[in-house]
PDB file of N, CA and C in Angstrom:
ATOM      1  N   UNK A   1      84.284-179.355 -86.887  1.00  0.00           N
ATOM      2  CA  UNK A   1      84.565-177.921 -86.961  1.00  0.00           C
ATOM      3  C   UNK A   1      86.066-177.721 -87.043  1.00  0.00           C
ATOM      4  N   UNK A   2      86.478-176.801 -87.853  1.00  0.00           N
ATOM      5  CA  UNK A   2      87.898-176.489 -87.905  1.00  0.00           C
ATOM      6  C   UNK A   2      88.194-175.327 -86.948  1.00  0.00           C
ATOM      7  N   UNK A   3      89.480-175.041 -86.694  1.00  0.00           N
ATOM      8  CA  UNK A   3      89.822-173.994 -85.724  1.00  0.00           C
ATOM      9  C   UNK A   3      89.217-172.627 -86.046  1.00  0.00           C
ATOM     10  N   UNK A   4      89.065-172.298 -87.328  1.00  0.00           N
ATOM     11  CA  UNK A   4      88.465-171.003 -87.660  1.00  0.00           C
ATOM     12  C   UNK A   4      86.999-170.955 -87.253  1.00  0.00           C
ATOM     13  N   UNK A   5      86.300-172.061 -87.457  1.00  0.00           N
ATOM     14  CA  UNK A   5      84.885-172.113 -87.081  1.00  0.00           C
ATOM     15  C   UNK A   5      84.740-172.104 -85.562  1.00  0.00           C
ATOM     16  N   UNK A   6      85.578-172.851 -84.878  1.00  0.00           N
ATOM     17  CA  UNK A   6      85.482-172.865 -83.414  1.00  0.00           C
ATOM     18  C   UNK A   6      85.804-171.492 -82.847  1.00  0.00           C
ATOM     19  N   UNK A   7      86.766-170.827 -83.438  1.00  0.00           N
ATOM     20  CA  UNK A   7      87.134-169.495 -82.952  1.00  0.00           C
ATOM     21  C   UNK A   7      85.990-168.500 -83.144  1.00  0.00           C
ATOM     22  N   UNK A   8      85.345-168.538 -84.307  1.00  0.00           N
ATOM     23  CA  UNK A   8      84.240-167.604 -84.532  1.00  0.00           C
ATOM     24  C   UNK A   8      83.025-167.956 -83.670  1.00  0.00           C
ATOM     25  N   UNK A   9      82.778-169.249 -83.477  1.00  0.00           N
ATOM     26  CA  UNK A   9      81.686-169.668 -82.593  1.00  0.00           C
ATOM     27  C   UNK A   9      81.948-169.174 -81.178  1.00  0.00           C
ATOM     28  N   UNK A  10      83.159-169.358 -80.717  1.00  0.00           N
ATOM     29  CA  UNK A  10      83.581-168.920 -79.389  1.00  0.00           C
ATOM     30  C   UNK A  10      83.374-167.409 -79.238  1.00  0.00           C
ATOM     31  N   UNK A  11      83.803-166.640 -80.238  1.00  0.00           N
ATOM     32  CA  UNK A  11      83.664-165.183 -80.181  1.00  0.00           C
ATOM     33  C   UNK A  11      82.207-164.749 -80.115  1.00  0.00           C
ATOM     34  N   UNK A  12      81.363-165.395 -80.917  1.00  0.00           N
ATOM     35  CA  UNK A  12      79.938-165.059 -80.900  1.00  0.00           C
ATOM     36  C   UNK A  12      79.348-165.331 -79.519  1.00  0.00           C
ATOM     37  N   UNK A  13      79.722-166.458 -78.937  1.00  0.00           N
ATOM     38  CA  UNK A  13      79.212-166.790 -77.603  1.00  0.00           C
ATOM     39  C   UNK A  13      79.680-165.781 -76.559  1.00  0.00           C
ATOM     40  N   UNK A  14      80.923-165.318 -76.680  1.00  0.00           N
ATOM     41  CA  UNK A  14      81.415-164.285 -75.764  1.00  0.00           C
ATOM     42  C   UNK A  14      80.612-163.000 -75.927  1.00  0.00           C
ATOM     43  N   UNK A  15      80.330-162.637 -77.173  1.00  0.00           N
ATOM     44  CA  UNK A  15      79.546-161.424 -77.424  1.00  0.00           C
ATOM     45  C   UNK A  15      78.119-161.534 -76.897  1.00  0.00           C
ATOM     46  N   UNK A  16      77.628-162.769 -76.784  1.00  0.00           N
ATOM     47  CA  UNK A  16      76.272-162.996 -76.252  1.00  0.00           C
ATOM     48  C   UNK A  16      76.249-162.992 -74.724  1.00  0.00           C
ATOM     49  N   UNK A  17      77.427-162.823 -74.093  1.00  0.00           N
ATOM     50  CA  UNK A  17      77.468-162.679 -72.650  1.00  0.00           C
ATOM     51  C   UNK A  17      77.991-163.877 -71.879  1.00  0.00           C
ATOM     52  N   UNK A  18      78.410-164.931 -72.567  1.00  0.00           N
ATOM     53  CA  UNK A  18      78.960-166.078 -71.850  1.00  0.00           C
ATOM     54  C   UNK A  18      80.376-165.770 -71.388  1.00  0.00           C
ATOM     55  N   UNK A  19      80.781-166.408 -70.304  1.00  0.00           N
ATOM     56  CA  UNK A  19      82.157-166.275 -69.838  1.00  0.00           C
ATOM     57  C   UNK A  19      83.055-167.082 -70.778  1.00  0.00           C
ATOM     58  N   UNK A  20      84.368-166.841 -70.761  1.00  0.00           N
ATOM     59  CA  UNK A  20      85.261-167.618 -71.617  1.00  0.00           C
ATOM     60  C   UNK A  20      85.142-169.134 -71.391  1.00  0.00           C
ATOM     61  N   UNK A  21      85.016-169.552 -70.144  1.00  0.00           N
ATOM     62  CA  UNK A  21      84.879-170.983 -69.857  1.00  0.00           C
ATOM     63  C   UNK A  21      83.562-171.526 -70.397  1.00  0.00           C
ATOM     64  N   UNK A  22      82.485-170.784 -70.193  1.00  0.00           N
ATOM     65  CA  UNK A  22      81.181-171.219 -70.704  1.00  0.00           C
ATOM     66  C   UNK A  22      81.193-171.308 -72.227  1.00  0.00           C
ATOM     67  N   UNK A  23      81.794-170.312 -72.870  1.00  0.00           N
ATOM     68  CA  UNK A  23      81.853-170.297 -74.334  1.00  0.00           C
ATOM     69  C   UNK A  23      82.686-171.457 -74.859  1.00  0.00           C
ATOM     70  N   UNK A  24      83.813-171.748 -74.223  1.00  0.00           N
ATOM     71  CA  UNK A  24      84.657-172.857 -74.652  1.00  0.00           C
ATOM     72  C   UNK A  24      83.955-174.191 -74.430  1.00  0.00           C
ATOM     73  N   UNK A  25      83.289-174.344 -73.283  1.00  0.00           N
ATOM     74  CA  UNK A  25      82.575-175.595 -73.011  1.00  0.00           C
ATOM     75  C   UNK A  25      81.427-175.811 -73.991  1.00  0.00           C
ATOM     76  N   UNK A  26      80.688-174.771 -74.315  1.00  0.00           N
ATOM     77  CA  UNK A  26      79.599-174.909 -75.274  1.00  0.00           C
ATOM     78  C   UNK A  26      80.142-175.213 -76.666  1.00  0.00           C
ATOM     79  N   UNK A  27      81.250-174.605 -77.029  1.00  0.00           N
ATOM     80  CA  UNK A  27      81.891-174.904 -78.305  1.00  0.00           C
ATOM     81  C   UNK A  27      82.326-176.365 -78.338  1.00  0.00           C
ATOM     82  N   UNK A  28      82.911-176.843 -77.245  1.00  0.00           N
ATOM     83  CA  UNK A  28      83.319-178.249 -77.163  1.00  0.00           C
ATOM     84  C   UNK A  28      82.106-179.159 -77.310  1.00  0.00           C
ATOM     85  N   UNK A  29      81.040-178.855 -76.613  1.00  0.00           N
ATOM     86  CA  UNK A  29      79.818-179.652 -76.687  1.00  0.00           C
ATOM     87  C   UNK A  29      79.291-179.704 -78.120  1.00  0.00           C
ATOM     88  N   UNK A  30      79.294-178.569 -78.808  1.00  0.00           N
ATOM     89  CA  UNK A  30      78.816-178.509 -80.185  1.00  0.00           C
ATOM     90  C   UNK A  30      79.689-179.337 -81.129  1.00  0.00           C
ATOM     91  N   UNK A  31      80.938-179.584 -80.727  1.00  0.00           N
ATOM     92  CA  UNK A  31      81.857-180.398 -81.535  1.00  0.00           C
ATOM     93  C   UNK A  31      81.809-181.865 -81.134  1.00  0.00           C
ATOM     94  N   UNK A  32      80.957-182.208 -80.179  1.00  0.00           N
ATOM     95  CA  UNK A  32      80.842-183.598 -79.756  1.00  0.00           C
ATOM     96  C   UNK A  32      81.850-184.022 -78.713  1.00  0.00           C
ATOM     97  N   UNK A  33      82.457-183.061 -78.053  1.00  0.00           N
ATOM     98  CA  UNK A  33      83.424-183.355 -76.994  1.00  0.00           C
ATOM     99  C   UNK A  33      82.679-183.368 -75.663  1.00  0.00           C
ATOM    100  N   UNK A  34      82.804-184.454 -74.887  1.00  0.00           N
ATOM    101  CA  UNK A  34      82.119-184.509 -73.590  1.00  0.00           C
ATOM    102  C   UNK A  34      82.592-183.381 -72.672  1.00  0.00           C
ATOM    103  N   UNK A  35      81.664-182.798 -71.945  1.00  0.00           N
ATOM    104  CA  UNK A  35      82.048-181.680 -71.087  1.00  0.00           C
ATOM    105  C   UNK A  35      81.890-181.980 -69.602  1.00  0.00           C
ATOM    106  N   UNK A  36      81.098-182.968 -69.226  1.00  0.00           N
ATOM    107  CA  UNK A  36      80.883-183.390 -67.831  1.00  0.00           C
ATOM    108  C   UNK A  36      81.379-182.365 -66.807  1.00  0.00           C
ATOM    109  N   UNK A  37      82.439-182.680 -66.119  1.00  0.00           N
ATOM    110  CA  UNK A  37      82.972-181.797 -65.071  1.00  0.00           C
ATOM    111  C   UNK A  37      84.249-181.088 -65.527  1.00  0.00           C
ATOM    112  N   UNK A  38      84.518-181.109 -66.818  1.00  0.00           N
ATOM    113  CA  UNK A  38      85.748-180.520 -67.354  1.00  0.00           C
ATOM    114  C   UNK A  38      85.474-179.086 -67.794  1.00  0.00           C
ATOM    115  N   UNK A  39      86.422-178.223 -67.556  1.00  0.00           N
ATOM    116  CA  UNK A  39      86.345-176.846 -68.026  1.00  0.00           C
ATOM    117  C   UNK A  39      87.383-176.683 -69.128  1.00  0.00           C
ATOM    118  N   UNK A  40      86.911-176.681 -70.379  1.00  0.00           N
ATOM    119  CA  UNK A  40      87.797-176.613 -71.533  1.00  0.00           C
ATOM    120  C   UNK A  40      88.175-175.174 -71.851  1.00  0.00           C
ATOM    121  N   UNK A  41      89.332-175.032 -72.484  1.00  0.00           N
ATOM    122  CA  UNK A  41      89.705-173.756 -73.098  1.00  0.00           C
ATOM    123  C   UNK A  41      89.550-173.945 -74.601  1.00  0.00           C
ATOM    124  N   UNK A  42      89.473-172.856 -75.333  1.00  0.00           N
ATOM    125  CA  UNK A  42      89.346-172.963 -76.783  1.00  0.00           C
ATOM    126  C   UNK A  42      90.564-173.670 -77.376  1.00  0.00           C
ATOM    127  N   UNK A  43      91.730-173.404 -76.846  1.00  0.00           N
ATOM    128  CA  UNK A  43      92.953-174.068 -77.323  1.00  0.00           C
ATOM    129  C   UNK A  43      92.847-175.579 -77.152  1.00  0.00           C
ATOM    130  N   UNK A  44      92.378-176.033 -76.010  1.00  0.00           N
ATOM    131  CA  UNK A  44      92.224-177.468 -75.765  1.00  0.00           C
ATOM    132  C   UNK A  44      91.205-178.086 -76.709  1.00  0.00           C
ATOM    133  N   UNK A  45      90.119-177.382 -76.968  1.00  0.00           N
ATOM    134  CA  UNK A  45      89.095-177.876 -77.895  1.00  0.00           C
ATOM    135  C   UNK A  45      89.719-178.075 -79.272  1.00  0.00           C
ATOM    136  N   UNK A  46      90.461-177.076 -79.748  1.00  0.00           N
ATOM    137  CA  UNK A  46      91.094-177.188 -81.060  1.00  0.00           C
ATOM    138  C   UNK A  46      92.134-178.302 -81.094  1.00  0.00           C
ATOM    139  N   UNK A  47      92.875-178.492 -80.016  1.00  0.00           N
ATOM    140  CA  UNK A  47      93.853-179.577 -79.962  1.00  0.00           C
ATOM    141  C   UNK A  47      93.157-180.940 -80.032  1.00  0.00           C
ATOM    142  N   UNK A  48      92.068-181.096 -79.305  1.00  0.00           N
ATOM    143  CA  UNK A  48      91.326-182.354 -79.352  1.00  0.00           C
ATOM    144  C   UNK A  48      90.750-182.618 -80.736  1.00  0.00           C
ATOM    145  N   UNK A  49      90.233-181.589 -81.371  1.00  0.00           N
ATOM    146  CA  UNK A  49      89.696-181.751 -82.719  1.00  0.00           C
ATOM    147  C   UNK A  49      90.800-182.134 -83.709  1.00  0.00           C
ATOM    148  N   UNK A  50      91.984-181.568 -83.535  1.00  0.00           N
ATOM    149  CA  UNK A  50      93.125-181.916 -84.381  1.00  0.00           C
ATOM    150  C   UNK A  50      93.498-183.381 -84.193  1.00  0.00           C
ATOM    151  N   UNK A  51      93.596-183.816 -82.956  1.00  0.00           N
ATOM    152  CA  UNK A  51      93.944-185.210 -82.673  1.00  0.00           C
ATOM    153  C   UNK A  51      92.860-186.163 -83.169  1.00  0.00           C
ATOM    154  N   UNK A  52      91.599-185.761 -83.039  1.00  0.00           N
ATOM    155  CA  UNK A  52      90.499-186.576 -83.543  1.00  0.00           C
ATOM    156  C   UNK A  52      90.621-186.750 -85.059  1.00  0.00           C
ATOM    157  N   UNK A  53      90.935-185.672 -85.755  1.00  0.00           N
ATOM    158  CA  UNK A  53      91.077-185.728 -87.208  1.00  0.00           C
ATOM    159  C   UNK A  53      92.235-186.640 -87.610  1.00  0.00           C
ATOM    160  N   UNK A  54      93.343-186.563 -86.886  1.00  0.00           N
ATOM    161  CA  UNK A  54      94.470-187.455 -87.166  1.00  0.00           C
ATOM    162  C   UNK A  54      94.058-188.912 -87.010  1.00  0.00           C
ATOM    163  N   UNK A  55      93.356-189.212 -85.960  1.00  0.00           N
ATOM    164  CA  UNK A  55      92.917-190.588 -85.707  1.00  0.00           C
ATOM    165  C   UNK A  55      91.921-191.053 -86.767  1.00  0.00           C
ATOM    166  N   UNK A  56      90.985-190.183 -87.147  1.00  0.00           N
ATOM    167  CA  UNK A  56      89.962-190.564 -88.125  1.00  0.00           C
ATOM    168  C   UNK A  56      90.535-190.780 -89.513  1.00  0.00           C
ATOM    169  N   UNK A  57      91.591-190.061 -89.843  1.00  0.00           N
ATOM    170  CA  UNK A  57      92.180-190.189 -91.179  1.00  0.00           C
ATOM    171  C   UNK A  57      93.302-191.220 -91.222  1.00  0.00           C
ATOM    172  N   UNK A  58      93.573-191.854 -90.095  1.00  0.00           N
ATOM    173  CA  UNK A  58      94.584-192.903 -90.057  1.00  0.00           C
ATOM    174  C   UNK A  58      96.002-192.382 -90.004  1.00  0.00           C
ATOM    175  N   UNK A  59      96.170-191.107 -89.744  1.00  0.00           N
ATOM    176  CA  UNK A  59      97.526-190.552 -89.662  1.00  0.00           C
ATOM    177  C   UNK A  59      98.121-190.650 -88.266  1.00  0.00           C
ATOM    178  N   UNK A  60      97.355-191.186 -87.352  1.00  0.00           N
ATOM    179  CA  UNK A  60      97.835-191.402 -85.995  1.00  0.00           C
ATOM    180  C   UNK A  60      97.151-192.667 -85.493  1.00  0.00           C
ATOM    181  N   UNK A  61      97.924-193.482 -84.861  1.00  0.00           N
ATOM    182  CA  UNK A  61      97.362-194.734 -84.399  1.00  0.00           C
ATOM    183  C   UNK A  61      97.789-195.049 -82.981  1.00  0.00           C
ATOM    184  N   UNK A  62      97.392-196.222 -82.504  1.00  0.00           N
ATOM    185  CA  UNK A  62      97.680-196.567 -81.112  1.00  0.00           C
ATOM    186  C   UNK A  62      99.172-196.753 -80.822  1.00  0.00           C
ATOM    187  N   UNK A  63      99.999-196.915 -81.846  1.00  0.00           N
ATOM    188  CA  UNK A  63     101.416-197.144 -81.616  1.00  0.00           C
ATOM    189  C   UNK A  63     102.258-195.919 -81.942  1.00  0.00           C
ATOM    190  N   UNK A  64     101.631-194.798 -82.238  1.00  0.00           N
ATOM    191  CA  UNK A  64     102.364-193.551 -82.525  1.00  0.00           C
ATOM    192  C   UNK A  64     102.590-192.811 -81.224  1.00  0.00           C
ATOM    193  N   UNK A  65     103.833-192.306 -81.053  1.00  0.00           N
ATOM    194  CA  UNK A  65     104.261-191.481 -79.950  1.00  0.00           C
ATOM    195  C   UNK A  65     103.385-191.507 -78.803  1.00  0.00           C
TER     196      UNK A  65
END
């Protein structure tokens, strides 16, 4: 999911009555991010997805910053 999709998913979940934390955690779960005992924010979800994309495309590796 890209940030625009996560943002719209998050908004729909808020409109359905979820709290911001619940909506962000469900969005994270839908993106394949483990949620266990973590309370994600939408910003954190998008940051993780960005970093995941960098790693998957080879633009970031174990020796980068």
